[in-house]
C-alpha atoms as a PDB file:
ATOM      1  CA  MET A   1      89.589  97.289 160.961  1.00  0.00           C
ATOM      2  CA  PRO A   2      90.216 101.415 160.028  1.00  0.00           C
ATOM      3  CA  SER A   3      90.437 103.687 162.702  1.00  0.00           C
ATOM      4  CA  PRO A   4      87.765 106.429 162.578  1.00  0.00           C
ATOM      5  CA  THR A   5      90.508 108.785 160.891  1.00  0.00           C
ATOM      6  CA  THR A   6      91.451 106.481 158.510  1.00  0.00           C
ATOM      7  CA  THR A   7      89.615 106.479 154.783  1.00  0.00           C
ATOM      8  CA  SER A   8      88.850 103.123 153.071  1.00  0.00           C
ATOM      9  CA  PRO A   9      89.732 102.979 149.735  1.00  0.00           C
ATOM     10  CA  HIS A  10      86.505 101.169 149.229  1.00  0.00           C
ATOM     11  CA  GLY A  11      84.484 103.875 151.147  1.00  0.00           C
ATOM     12  CA  SER A  12      86.396 106.540 149.018  1.00  0.00           C
ATOM     13  CA  GLY A  13      84.893 104.679 145.716  1.00  0.00           C
ATOM     14  CA  LEU A  14      81.647 104.756 146.960  1.00  0.00           C
ATOM     15  CA  ARG A  15      81.898 108.119 147.753  1.00  0.00           C
ATOM     16  CA  ALA A  16      83.092 109.213 144.378  1.00  0.00           C
ATOM     17  CA  SER A  17      80.199 106.702 142.776  1.00  0.00           C
ATOM     18  CA  LYS A  18      77.645 108.645 144.397  1.00  0.00           C
ATOM     19  CA  ARG A  19      79.146 111.884 143.301  1.00  0.00           C
ATOM     20  CA  GLU A  20      79.171 110.585 139.830  1.00  0.00           C
ATOM     21  CA  ARG A  21      75.339 109.340 139.982  1.00  0.00           C
ATOM     22  CA  THR A  22      74.539 112.346 141.405  1.00  0.00           C
ATOM     23  CA  ALA A  23      76.138 114.875 138.782  1.00  0.00           C
ATOM     24  CA  ARG A  24      74.118 112.672 136.303  1.00  0.00           C
ATOM     25  CA  ASP A  25      70.903 112.648 137.818  1.00  0.00           C
ATOM     26  CA  LEU A  26      71.110 116.292 137.914  1.00  0.00           C
ATOM     27  CA  ALA A  27      71.727 116.648 134.226  1.00  0.00           C
ATOM     28  CA  GLU A  28      69.262 114.137 133.513  1.00  0.00           C
ATOM     29  CA  ALA A  29      66.894 116.579 135.230  1.00  0.00           C
ATOM     30  CA  ALA A  30      67.970 119.328 133.508  1.00  0.00           C
ATOM     31  CA  TYR A  31      67.122 118.022 130.255  1.00  0.00           C
ATOM     32  CA  ALA A  32      63.828 116.238 131.694  1.00  0.00           C
ATOM     33  CA  VAL A  33      62.718 120.206 132.606  1.00  0.00           C
ATOM     34  CA  VAL A  34      63.960 121.363 128.955  1.00  0.00           C
ATOM     35  CA  ARG A  35      61.934 118.652 127.747  1.00  0.00           C
ATOM     36  CA  ASP A  36      58.376 119.026 129.645  1.00  0.00           C
ATOM     37  CA  VAL A  37      58.774 122.343 130.228  1.00  0.00           C
ATOM     38  CA  GLY A  38      61.373 124.498 127.812  1.00  0.00           C
ATOM     39  CA  PHE A  39      64.793 125.996 128.466  1.00  0.00           C
ATOM     40  CA  ASP A  40      63.812 129.135 129.815  1.00  0.00           C
ATOM     41  CA  ALA A  41      62.509 126.827 132.959  1.00  0.00           C
ATOM     42  CA  VAL A  42      65.435 125.528 133.685  1.00  0.00           C
ATOM     43  CA  THR A  43      66.547 127.078 137.244  1.00  0.00           C
ATOM     44  CA  ALA A  44      68.559 125.587 139.928  1.00  0.00           C
ATOM     45  CA  ASP A  45      65.265 125.050 142.150  1.00  0.00           C
ATOM     46  CA  ALA A  46      63.305 123.279 139.097  1.00  0.00           C
ATOM     47  CA  VAL A  47      66.398 120.837 138.411  1.00  0.00           C
ATOM     48  CA  ALA A  48      67.220 120.122 141.863  1.00  0.00           C
ATOM     49  CA  ASP A  49      63.442 119.516 142.996  1.00  0.00           C
ATOM     50  CA  ARG A  50      63.201 117.278 139.484  1.00  0.00           C
ATOM     51  CA  ALA A  51      66.328 115.496 140.835  1.00  0.00           C
ATOM     52  CA  GLY A  52      65.174 114.885 144.652  1.00  0.00           C
ATOM     53  CA  VAL A  53      68.131 116.905 146.005  1.00  0.00           C
ATOM     54  CA  SER A  54      68.398 120.539 147.576  1.00  0.00           C
ATOM     55  CA  ARG A  55      69.351 123.783 145.975  1.00  0.00           C
ATOM     56  CA  ARG A  56      72.521 123.732 148.361  1.00  0.00           C
ATOM     57  CA  THR A  57      73.209 120.139 146.912  1.00  0.00           C
ATOM     58  CA  PHE A  58      72.776 121.295 143.278  1.00  0.00           C
ATOM     59  CA  PHE A  59      75.457 124.188 143.609  1.00  0.00           C
ATOM     60  CA  ASN A  60      78.201 121.788 145.581  1.00  0.00           C
ATOM     61  CA  TYR A  61      78.084 120.080 141.850  1.00  0.00           C
ATOM     62  CA  TYR A  62      77.199 122.831 139.127  1.00  0.00           C
ATOM     63  CA  PRO A  63      77.858 126.255 139.597  1.00  0.00           C
ATOM     64  CA  SER A  64      74.974 127.534 137.438  1.00  0.00           C
ATOM     65  CA  VAL A  65      72.239 126.120 135.609  1.00  0.00           C
ATOM     66  CA  GLU A  66      74.365 126.914 131.990  1.00  0.00           C
ATOM     67  CA  SER A  67      76.786 124.320 133.614  1.00  0.00           C
ATOM     68  CA  VAL A  68      73.938 121.606 134.189  1.00  0.00           C
ATOM     69  CA  PHE A  69      72.602 122.251 130.677  1.00  0.00           C
ATOM     70  CA  THR A  70      75.893 121.765 129.449  1.00  0.00           C
ATOM     71  CA  ALA A  71      76.242 118.772 130.977  1.00  0.00           C
ATOM     72  CA  SER A  72      73.164 117.294 129.542  1.00  0.00           C
ATOM     73  CA  VAL A  73      74.509 118.341 126.204  1.00  0.00           C
ATOM     74  CA  ALA A  74      77.500 116.652 126.841  1.00  0.00           C
ATOM     75  CA  ALA A  75      76.036 113.715 127.633  1.00  0.00           C
ATOM     76  CA  PHE A  76      74.015 114.039 124.587  1.00  0.00           C
ATOM     77  CA  PHE A  77      77.236 113.566 122.525  1.00  0.00           C
ATOM     78  CA  ASP A  78      79.043 111.140 124.449  1.00  0.00           C
ATOM     79  CA  SER A  79      75.694 108.622 124.178  1.00  0.00           C
ATOM     80  CA  VAL A  80      76.013 109.277 120.136  1.00  0.00           C
ATOM     81  CA  GLY A  81      79.971 108.578 120.731  1.00  0.00           C
ATOM     82  CA  GLU A  82      79.125 105.322 122.015  1.00  0.00           C
ATOM     83  CA  ARG A  83      77.094 104.494 119.568  1.00  0.00           C
ATOM     84  CA  LEU A  84      79.152 105.550 116.557  1.00  0.00           C
ATOM     85  CA  ASP A  85      82.210 103.438 118.298  1.00  0.00           C
ATOM     86  CA  ALA A  86      79.732 100.363 118.341  1.00  0.00           C
ATOM     87  CA  ARG A  87      79.105 100.275 114.559  1.00  0.00           C
ATOM     88  CA  PRO A  88      81.418  97.684 112.394  1.00  0.00           C
ATOM     89  CA  ALA A  89      85.057  98.887 112.456  1.00  0.00           C
ATOM     90  CA  ASP A  90      85.190  98.315 107.950  1.00  0.00           C
ATOM     91  CA  GLU A  91      81.995 100.297 107.708  1.00  0.00           C
ATOM     92  CA  ASP A  92      81.706 103.436 105.640  1.00  0.00           C
ATOM     93  CA  VAL A  93      81.660 106.673 108.250  1.00  0.00           C
ATOM     94  CA  LEU A  94      78.591 108.194 106.907  1.00  0.00           C
ATOM     95  CA  ASP A  95      76.412 105.236 106.691  1.00  0.00           C
ATOM     96  CA  SER A  96      77.836 104.451 110.309  1.00  0.00           C
ATOM     97  CA  ALA A  97      76.299 107.806 111.100  1.00  0.00           C
ATOM     98  CA  VAL A  98      73.074 107.685 109.135  1.00  0.00           C
ATOM     99  CA  ALA A  99      72.537 104.065 110.970  1.00  0.00           C
ATOM    100  CA  VAL A 100      72.959 105.450 114.474  1.00  0.00           C
ATOM    101  CA  ILE A 101      70.627 108.438 113.662  1.00  0.00           C
ATOM    102  CA  THR A 102      68.146 106.543 112.112  1.00  0.00           C
ATOM    103  CA  ASP A 103      68.151 103.589 114.240  1.00  0.00           C
ATOM    104  CA  PRO A 104      64.026 102.643 115.045  1.00  0.00           C
ATOM    105  CA  GLY A 105      64.661 101.079 118.052  1.00  0.00           C
ATOM    106  CA  ASP A 106      66.702 103.979 119.665  1.00  0.00           C
ATOM    107  CA  VAL A 107      63.698 106.062 120.978  1.00  0.00           C
ATOM    108  CA  GLU A 108      65.946 107.925 123.399  1.00  0.00           C
ATOM    109  CA  LEU A 109      68.667 108.763 121.379  1.00  0.00           C
ATOM    110  CA  LEU A 110      65.984 110.032 118.899  1.00  0.00           C
ATOM    111  CA  GLN A 111      64.070 112.238 121.558  1.00  0.00           C
ATOM    112  CA  ARG A 112      67.045 113.693 122.791  1.00  0.00           C
ATOM    113  CA  ILE A 113      68.316 115.118 119.631  1.00  0.00           C
ATOM    114  CA  GLY A 114      64.408 116.165 118.837  1.00  0.00           C
ATOM    115  CA  VAL A 115      64.300 118.231 122.400  1.00  0.00           C
ATOM    116  CA  LEU A 116      68.060 119.963 121.753  1.00  0.00           C
ATOM    117  CA  SER A 117      66.985 120.940 118.483  1.00  0.00           C
ATOM    118  CA  ALA A 118      63.502 122.849 119.790  1.00  0.00           C
ATOM    119  CA  ALA A 119      65.350 124.289 122.622  1.00  0.00           C
ATOM    120  CA  GLY A 120      68.028 125.799 120.573  1.00  0.00           C
ATOM    121  CA  GLU A 121      65.600 127.257 117.820  1.00  0.00           C
ATOM    122  CA  SER A 122      63.368 128.687 120.885  1.00  0.00           C
ATOM    123  CA  SER A 123      66.450 129.914 123.151  1.00  0.00           C
ATOM    124  CA  PRO A 124      69.362 131.588 121.424  1.00  0.00           C
ATOM    125  CA  HIS A 125      71.566 131.287 125.037  1.00  0.00           C
ATOM    126  CA  ALA A 126      70.491 127.322 124.670  1.00  0.00           C
ATOM    127  CA  ARG A 127      71.680 127.492 121.138  1.00  0.00           C
ATOM    128  CA  GLY A 128      75.005 128.901 121.998  1.00  0.00           C
ATOM    129  CA  LEU A 129      75.355 126.626 124.754  1.00  0.00           C
ATOM    130  CA  ILE A 130      74.384 123.598 122.418  1.00  0.00           C
ATOM    131  CA  LEU A 131      76.945 125.139 119.822  1.00  0.00           C
ATOM    132  CA  VAL A 132      79.832 125.150 122.094  1.00  0.00           C
ATOM    133  CA  GLU A 133      79.419 121.599 123.405  1.00  0.00           C
ATOM    134  CA  ALA A 134      78.845 120.440 119.855  1.00  0.00           C
ATOM    135  CA  HIS A 135      82.396 122.118 118.830  1.00  0.00           C
ATOM    136  CA  THR A 136      84.127 120.494 122.232  1.00  0.00           C
ATOM    137  CA  TRP A 137      82.799 117.281 120.632  1.00  0.00           C
ATOM    138  CA  LEU A 138      84.160 117.665 117.686  1.00  0.00           C
ATOM    139  CA  ASP A 139      88.120 116.353 119.072  1.00  0.00           C
ATOM    140  CA  TRP A 140      86.151 113.204 119.621  1.00  0.00           C
ATOM    141  CA  LEU A 141      85.087 113.070 116.262  1.00  0.00           C
ATOM    142  CA  GLU A 142      88.431 113.821 114.653  1.00  0.00           C
ATOM    143  CA  ASP A 143      89.650 111.028 116.553  1.00  0.00           C
ATOM    144  CA  TRP A 144      86.563 108.504 115.387  1.00  0.00           C
ATOM    145  CA  LEU A 145      87.489 109.399 111.829  1.00  0.00           C
ATOM    146  CA  ARG A 146      91.133 109.255 112.096  1.00  0.00           C
ATOM    147  CA  ARG A 147      90.576 105.401 113.608  1.00  0.00           C
ATOM    148  CA  ARG A 148      87.714 104.473 110.628  1.00  0.00           C
ATOM    149  CA  LEU A 149      89.673 106.367 107.952  1.00  0.00           C
ATOM    150  CA  PRO A 150      92.411 104.849 105.754  1.00  0.00           C
ATOM    151  CA  PRO A 151      95.969 104.887 107.498  1.00  0.00           C
ATOM    152  CA  GLY A 152      97.606 108.120 106.861  1.00  0.00           C
ATOM    153  CA  THR A 153      94.579 110.222 105.825  1.00  0.00           C
ATOM    154  CA  ASP A 154      95.654 113.734 105.803  1.00  0.00           C
ATOM    155  CA  ALA A 155      94.717 115.764 109.011  1.00  0.00           C
ATOM    156  CA  LEU A 156      93.143 118.480 107.290  1.00  0.00           C
ATOM    157  CA  LEU A 157      90.564 116.191 105.762  1.00  0.00           C
ATOM    158  CA  VAL A 158      89.814 114.776 108.568  1.00  0.00           C
ATOM    159  CA  ALA A 159      89.037 117.858 110.369  1.00  0.00           C
ATOM    160  CA  THR A 160      86.825 118.940 107.409  1.00  0.00           C
ATOM    161  CA  TYR A 161      85.007 115.881 107.417  1.00  0.00           C
ATOM    162  CA  ALA A 162      84.312 116.086 111.270  1.00  0.00           C
ATOM    163  CA  ALA A 163      83.055 119.558 110.893  1.00  0.00           C
ATOM    164  CA  THR A 164      81.094 118.807 107.658  1.00  0.00           C
ATOM    165  CA  MET A 165      79.463 115.858 109.171  1.00  0.00           C
ATOM    166  CA  LEU A 166      78.455 117.981 112.200  1.00  0.00           C
ATOM    167  CA  GLY A 167      77.693 121.087 110.342  1.00  0.00           C
ATOM    168  CA  ALA A 168      75.193 118.762 108.235  1.00  0.00           C
ATOM    169  CA  ALA A 169      73.144 117.666 111.371  1.00  0.00           C
ATOM    170  CA  GLU A 170      73.231 121.140 112.880  1.00  0.00           C
ATOM    171  CA  ALA A 171      71.434 122.199 109.563  1.00  0.00           C
ATOM    172  CA  ALA A 172      69.212 119.384 110.053  1.00  0.00           C
ATOM    173  CA  PHE A 173      68.013 120.559 113.385  1.00  0.00           C
ATOM    174  CA  ARG A 174      67.787 124.115 112.470  1.00  0.00           C
ATOM    175  CA  VAL A 175      65.401 123.486 109.059  1.00  0.00           C
ATOM    176  CA  TRP A 176      63.270 120.996 110.980  1.00  0.00           C
ATOM    177  CA  ALA A 177      62.667 123.058 114.153  1.00  0.00           C
ATOM    178  CA  LYS A 178      61.384 125.750 112.011  1.00  0.00           C
ATOM    179  CA  ALA A 179      59.219 123.768 109.890  1.00  0.00           C
ATOM    180  CA  PRO A 180      59.014 120.293 111.362  1.00  0.00           C
ATOM    181  CA  GLU A 181      57.873 117.409 108.389  1.00  0.00           C
ATOM    182  CA  GLY A 182      58.909 113.894 108.827  1.00  0.00           C
ATOM    183  CA  GLU A 183      61.501 112.356 111.274  1.00  0.00           C
ATOM    184  CA  LEU A 184      64.206 114.547 112.408  1.00  0.00           C
ATOM    185  CA  SER A 185      66.179 111.832 111.928  1.00  0.00           C
ATOM    186  CA  ALA A 186      65.746 111.190 108.335  1.00  0.00           C
ATOM    187  CA  ALA A 187      66.390 114.804 107.793  1.00  0.00           C
ATOM    188  CA  VAL A 188      69.731 114.546 109.842  1.00  0.00           C
ATOM    189  CA  ALA A 189      70.328 111.722 107.186  1.00  0.00           C
ATOM    190  CA  ARG A 190      69.345 113.546 104.052  1.00  0.00           C
ATOM    191  CA  ALA A 191      71.888 116.131 105.131  1.00  0.00           C
ATOM    192  CA  LEU A 192      74.554 113.608 105.762  1.00  0.00           C
ATOM    193  CA  THR A 193      73.707 112.066 102.475  1.00  0.00           C
ATOM    194  CA  HIS A 194      74.307 115.308 100.622  1.00  0.00           C
ATOM    195  CA  LEU A 195      77.945 115.127 101.511  1.00  0.00           C
ATOM    196  CA  ARG A 196      78.636 112.261  99.363  1.00  0.00           C
ATOM    197  CA  THR A 197      77.905 114.544  96.483  1.00  0.00           C
ATOM    198  CA  GLY A 198      80.262 117.458  97.711  1.00  0.00           C
ATOM    199  CA  LEU A 199      77.211 119.295  97.311  1.00  0.00           C
ATOM    200  CA  ASP A 200      77.158 119.699  93.679  1.00  0.00           C
ATOM    201  CA  PRO A 201      73.613 120.855  92.978  1.00  0.00           C
ATOM    202  CA  ALA A 202      73.384 118.551  89.792  1.00  0.00           C
ATOM    203  CA  THR A 203      74.159 115.287  91.827  1.00  0.00           C
ATOM    204  CA  LEU A 204      72.480 116.204  95.107  1.00  0.00           C
ATOM    205  CA  PRO A 205      70.439 112.756  96.155  1.00  0.00           C
ATOM    206  CA  ALA A 206      66.499 112.772  95.448  1.00  0.00           C
ATOM    207  CA  VAL A 207      64.714 112.052  98.500  1.00  0.00           C
ATOM    208  CA  SER A 208      61.449 111.818 100.227  1.00  0.00           C
ATOM    209  CA  PRO A 209      61.380 113.076 103.193  1.00  0.00           C
ATOM    210  CA  THR A 210      60.984 110.264 105.304  1.00  0.00           C
ATOM    211  CA  THR A 211      63.495 108.030 103.398  1.00  0.00           C
ATOM    212  CA  THR A 212      66.797 107.844 104.112  1.00  0.00           C
ATOM    213  CA  THR A 213      68.229 105.537 101.177  1.00  0.00           C
ATOM    214  CA  VAL A 214      69.557 108.135  98.203  1.00  0.00           C
ATOM    215  CA  SER A 215      69.151 107.506  94.517  1.00  0.00           C
ATOM    216  CA  PRO A 216      70.907 110.313  91.985  1.00  0.00           C
ATOM    217  CA  THR A 217      69.576 112.783  90.305  1.00  0.00           C
ATOM    218  CA  ARG A 218      71.007 111.855  87.125  1.00  0.00           C
ATOM    219  CA  GLU A 219      73.316 109.326  85.786  1.00  0.00           C
ATOM    220  CA  ASP A 220      76.778 109.340  85.555  1.00  0.00           C
ATOM    221  CA  HIS A 221      78.064 108.613  82.045  1.00  0.00           C
END
C-alpha cells in the first residue's frame, strides 16, 4: 500500500484524465457561449459558469478567453481530421473532403462550421483567431495528403493542395456568412469542386446552391 507521500501511477493517471476532461469541458463551454450568445460574450466568467467551475479554475487551465476560444477551434479541426482519416485510403482526396463536409448525419460538425463561420464574420478578432488555428492545422492536412496522394508527390504540390483546399473552405465560409443561402456545407463542397478545374472560368462546374455533384459547363472535345 503506498505511503501518503507516494504518488500512485494510477492516481496520477486519474488526475491527468480529469485535467484533460476539464480542459475539454471549458473549450466546449466557450463554443456553447459563442453559439448561443456570440463571440463578444465569451468571458472568463461566462465560460466558467457554463462549464460549472469557478473563475479561478478557468485561469488554472487557460490564461485568457482567447486561448479557450482557440482551443474550441482546434477541437473542431481535430474533429475534421478524424473524419478525413476515416475515409477510404484509396478515395480521391477532394471526394473525401466533400463527403466529410456534406455528411447529412454529422449534424454536430455542420453546426460547428456554421457557428465558427458566423463568429468570424461578426468579429475581426474572432476571425483572426480562427485563421491562425486554421493555418496551424495545415501541417496536419499536408501530412494527410502525403499519405493519400501517390508516393513521391512533389512537396510543393502537397503544400499547394493543402493551402488551396483550406482557402476554398474559407472562401465558402465568408461568402455564405454574408448572404446565407442554402446549406453552408453545400457551399464548401462547391468551393472544393472548383479546384478540379484549376479555376478556369471556362470550365467551372455549374451546380445549384444545394447540389454537391458537378456537371461541366461545356463538353471536352
